[in-house]
């Protein structure tokens, strides 16, 4: 929740009529969690490994609602993996 934020969590919980466990509510009490853009995690040490495709795939994979999350076959067909497909072809 510190990364994905609480708004999407509350949307997910309400959509499926779920309940947040008491222990989690205690941890959340008095705090607000904003969604952190994936670009905030880019640093000088990892920027050489980051691409728009990588960030897009990450955003589609790390979602509270499994029904909104990218499926395995869709993930494997994602443009992030195009270089690997090209390499295997040659």
Foldseek 3Di string as FASTA:
>chain_A
DLAQWCVLVVVQCVVVVHDDDPVVCVVCPPHGHDHDQPVVPDDPVCVVVDDPQVSVLVVLQPHPDPVSHDDPVRSCVGPVCVVVVVVVVD
